[in-house]
Amino acid sequence: MLTRKLSPERWLRLEIVLSALLDQARHVEIYFSWRPSSADPGVDMVVDCVINAGAVLVTWNRADFALPAQLFGMHVLTPVEFVNGLHHSMS
């Protein structure tokens, strides 16, 4: 789906980054649910995944994750903040 939204040139640049991130990915079982933590069941599903994985959530939609982030100490970044953090950690 992402490839349809980007120009071929942009996709080639992004594909390298996504491949590197996917190389670091790991499967995590969901052992515990913190539901309900929001009014949206879709948000709750993401919260369960993020907390069980001990991951950082990267989203443009910070507003829907503000309360769960406060309740559970989730680290929520925008895509720009995430990429800037990657850049700083590599330099």
C-alpha atoms as a PDB file:
ATOM      1  CA  MET A   1       0.000   0.000   0.000  1.00  0.00           C
ATOM      2  CA  LEU A   2       2.814   2.426   0.835  1.00  0.00           C
ATOM      3  CA  THR A   3       4.433   1.867  -2.540  1.00  0.00           C
ATOM      4  CA  ARG A   4       1.277   3.161  -4.247  1.00  0.00           C
ATOM      5  CA  LYS A   5       1.412   6.416  -2.276  1.00  0.00           C
ATOM      6  CA  LEU A   6       5.055   7.265  -2.944  1.00  0.00           C
ATOM      7  CA  SER A   7       6.954   8.085  -6.092  1.00  0.00           C
ATOM      8  CA  PRO A   8       9.357   5.342  -7.208  1.00  0.00           C
ATOM      9  CA  GLU A   9      12.343   7.483  -6.167  1.00  0.00           C
ATOM     10  CA  ARG A  10      10.994   8.130  -2.666  1.00  0.00           C
ATOM     11  CA  TRP A  11      10.076   4.471  -2.261  1.00  0.00           C
ATOM     12  CA  LEU A  12      13.630   3.365  -3.136  1.00  0.00           C
ATOM     13  CA  ARG A  13      15.045   5.658  -0.424  1.00  0.00           C
ATOM     14  CA  LEU A  14      12.466   4.606   2.144  1.00  0.00           C
ATOM     15  CA  GLU A  15      12.727   0.901   1.363  1.00  0.00           C
ATOM     16  CA  ILE A  16      16.304   0.829   2.678  1.00  0.00           C
ATOM     17  CA  VAL A  17      15.218   2.296   6.007  1.00  0.00           C
ATOM     18  CA  LEU A  18      12.188   0.029   6.338  1.00  0.00           C
ATOM     19  CA  SER A  19      14.263  -3.046   5.518  1.00  0.00           C
ATOM     20  CA  ALA A  20      16.758  -2.121   8.236  1.00  0.00           C
ATOM     21  CA  LEU A  21      13.941  -1.635  10.753  1.00  0.00           C
ATOM     22  CA  LEU A  22      12.310  -4.924   9.804  1.00  0.00           C
ATOM     23  CA  ASP A  23      15.637  -6.702  10.277  1.00  0.00           C
ATOM     24  CA  GLN A  24      15.451  -5.591  13.929  1.00  0.00           C
ATOM     25  CA  ALA A  25      11.800  -6.620  14.400  1.00  0.00           C
ATOM     26  CA  ARG A  26      10.824  -9.536  16.589  1.00  0.00           C
ATOM     27  CA  HIS A  27       7.596 -11.377  17.307  1.00  0.00           C
ATOM     28  CA  VAL A  28       6.122 -10.639  20.728  1.00  0.00           C
ATOM     29  CA  GLU A  29       3.313 -12.589  22.354  1.00  0.00           C
ATOM     30  CA  ILE A  30       0.562 -10.559  23.991  1.00  0.00           C
ATOM     31  CA  TYR A  31       0.386 -11.949  27.523  1.00  0.00           C
ATOM     32  CA  PHE A  32      -1.603  -9.181  29.163  1.00  0.00           C
ATOM     33  CA  SER A  33      -4.168  -6.639  28.059  1.00  0.00           C
ATOM     34  CA  TRP A  34      -4.541  -3.171  29.535  1.00  0.00           C
ATOM     35  CA  ARG A  35      -8.019  -2.650  28.080  1.00  0.00           C
ATOM     36  CA  PRO A  36      -9.830  -0.407  28.130  1.00  0.00           C
ATOM     37  CA  SER A  37      -7.286   2.382  28.106  1.00  0.00           C
ATOM     38  CA  SER A  38      -9.107   4.565  25.583  1.00  0.00           C
ATOM     39  CA  ALA A  39     -12.508   4.991  23.975  1.00  0.00           C
ATOM     40  CA  ASP A  40     -11.253   3.366  20.748  1.00  0.00           C
ATOM     41  CA  PRO A  41     -10.763  -0.434  20.655  1.00  0.00           C
ATOM     42  CA  GLY A  42      -8.242   0.033  17.818  1.00  0.00           C
ATOM     43  CA  VAL A  43      -6.123   2.261  20.042  1.00  0.00           C
ATOM     44  CA  ASP A  44      -6.375  -0.320  22.823  1.00  0.00           C
ATOM     45  CA  MET A  45      -5.054  -3.026  20.494  1.00  0.00           C
ATOM     46  CA  VAL A  46      -2.033  -0.889  19.599  1.00  0.00           C
ATOM     47  CA  VAL A  47      -1.440  -0.050  23.282  1.00  0.00           C
ATOM     48  CA  ASP A  48      -1.397  -3.772  24.143  1.00  0.00           C
ATOM     49  CA  CYS A  49       1.189  -4.410  21.419  1.00  0.00           C
ATOM     50  CA  VAL A  50       3.408  -1.467  22.370  1.00  0.00           C
ATOM     51  CA  ILE A  51       3.420  -2.226  26.099  1.00  0.00           C
ATOM     52  CA  ASN A  52       3.941  -5.979  25.717  1.00  0.00           C
ATOM     53  CA  ALA A  53       6.825  -5.362  23.304  1.00  0.00           C
ATOM     54  CA  GLY A  54       8.365  -2.576  25.358  1.00  0.00           C
ATOM     55  CA  ALA A  55       8.368  -0.613  22.127  1.00  0.00           C
ATOM     56  CA  VAL A  56       8.167   3.004  21.079  1.00  0.00           C
ATOM     57  CA  LEU A  57       4.977   3.991  19.265  1.00  0.00           C
ATOM     58  CA  VAL A  58       5.536   5.969  16.068  1.00  0.00           C
ATOM     59  CA  THR A  59       2.383   7.745  14.900  1.00  0.00           C
ATOM     60  CA  TRP A  60       1.055  11.050  13.646  1.00  0.00           C
ATOM     61  CA  ASN A  61      -1.965  10.443  15.902  1.00  0.00           C
ATOM     62  CA  ARG A  62      -0.535  11.465  19.271  1.00  0.00           C
ATOM     63  CA  ALA A  63      -3.883  12.759  20.568  1.00  0.00           C
ATOM     64  CA  ASP A  64      -5.531   9.311  20.692  1.00  0.00           C
ATOM     65  CA  PHE A  65      -2.541   7.872  22.550  1.00  0.00           C
ATOM     66  CA  ALA A  66      -2.051  10.714  25.063  1.00  0.00           C
ATOM     67  CA  LEU A  67      -3.972   9.098  27.927  1.00  0.00           C
ATOM     68  CA  PRO A  68      -2.519   5.580  27.487  1.00  0.00           C
ATOM     69  CA  ALA A  69       0.961   7.125  27.201  1.00  0.00           C
ATOM     70  CA  GLN A  70       0.420   8.967  30.474  1.00  0.00           C
ATOM     71  CA  LEU A  71      -1.099   5.932  32.226  1.00  0.00           C
ATOM     72  CA  PHE A  72       1.522   3.420  31.122  1.00  0.00           C
ATOM     73  CA  GLY A  73       4.586   5.542  30.416  1.00  0.00           C
ATOM     74  CA  MET A  74       4.521   4.720  26.715  1.00  0.00           C
ATOM     75  CA  HIS A  75       6.985   6.620  24.585  1.00  0.00           C
ATOM     76  CA  VAL A  76       5.091   8.116  21.615  1.00  0.00           C
ATOM     77  CA  LEU A  77       6.970   9.781  18.744  1.00  0.00           C
ATOM     78  CA  THR A  78       5.918  11.330  15.468  1.00  0.00           C
ATOM     79  CA  PRO A  79       7.601   9.840  12.387  1.00  0.00           C
ATOM     80  CA  VAL A  80       9.778  12.953  12.113  1.00  0.00           C
ATOM     81  CA  GLU A  81      10.913  12.654  15.739  1.00  0.00           C
ATOM     82  CA  PHE A  82      11.660   8.971  15.200  1.00  0.00           C
ATOM     83  CA  VAL A  83      13.760   9.577  12.088  1.00  0.00           C
ATOM     84  CA  ASN A  84      15.580  12.474  13.759  1.00  0.00           C
ATOM     85  CA  GLY A  85      16.354  10.182  16.697  1.00  0.00           C
ATOM     86  CA  LEU A  86      17.738   7.559  14.320  1.00  0.00           C
ATOM     87  CA  HIS A  87      19.881  10.174  12.655  1.00  0.00           C
ATOM     88  CA  HIS A  88      21.296  11.410  15.977  1.00  0.00           C
ATOM     89  CA  SER A  89      21.994   7.884  17.209  1.00  0.00           C
ATOM     90  CA  MET A  90      23.951   7.133  14.022  1.00  0.00           C
ATOM     91  CA  SER A  91      26.130  10.255  14.225  1.00  0.00           C
END
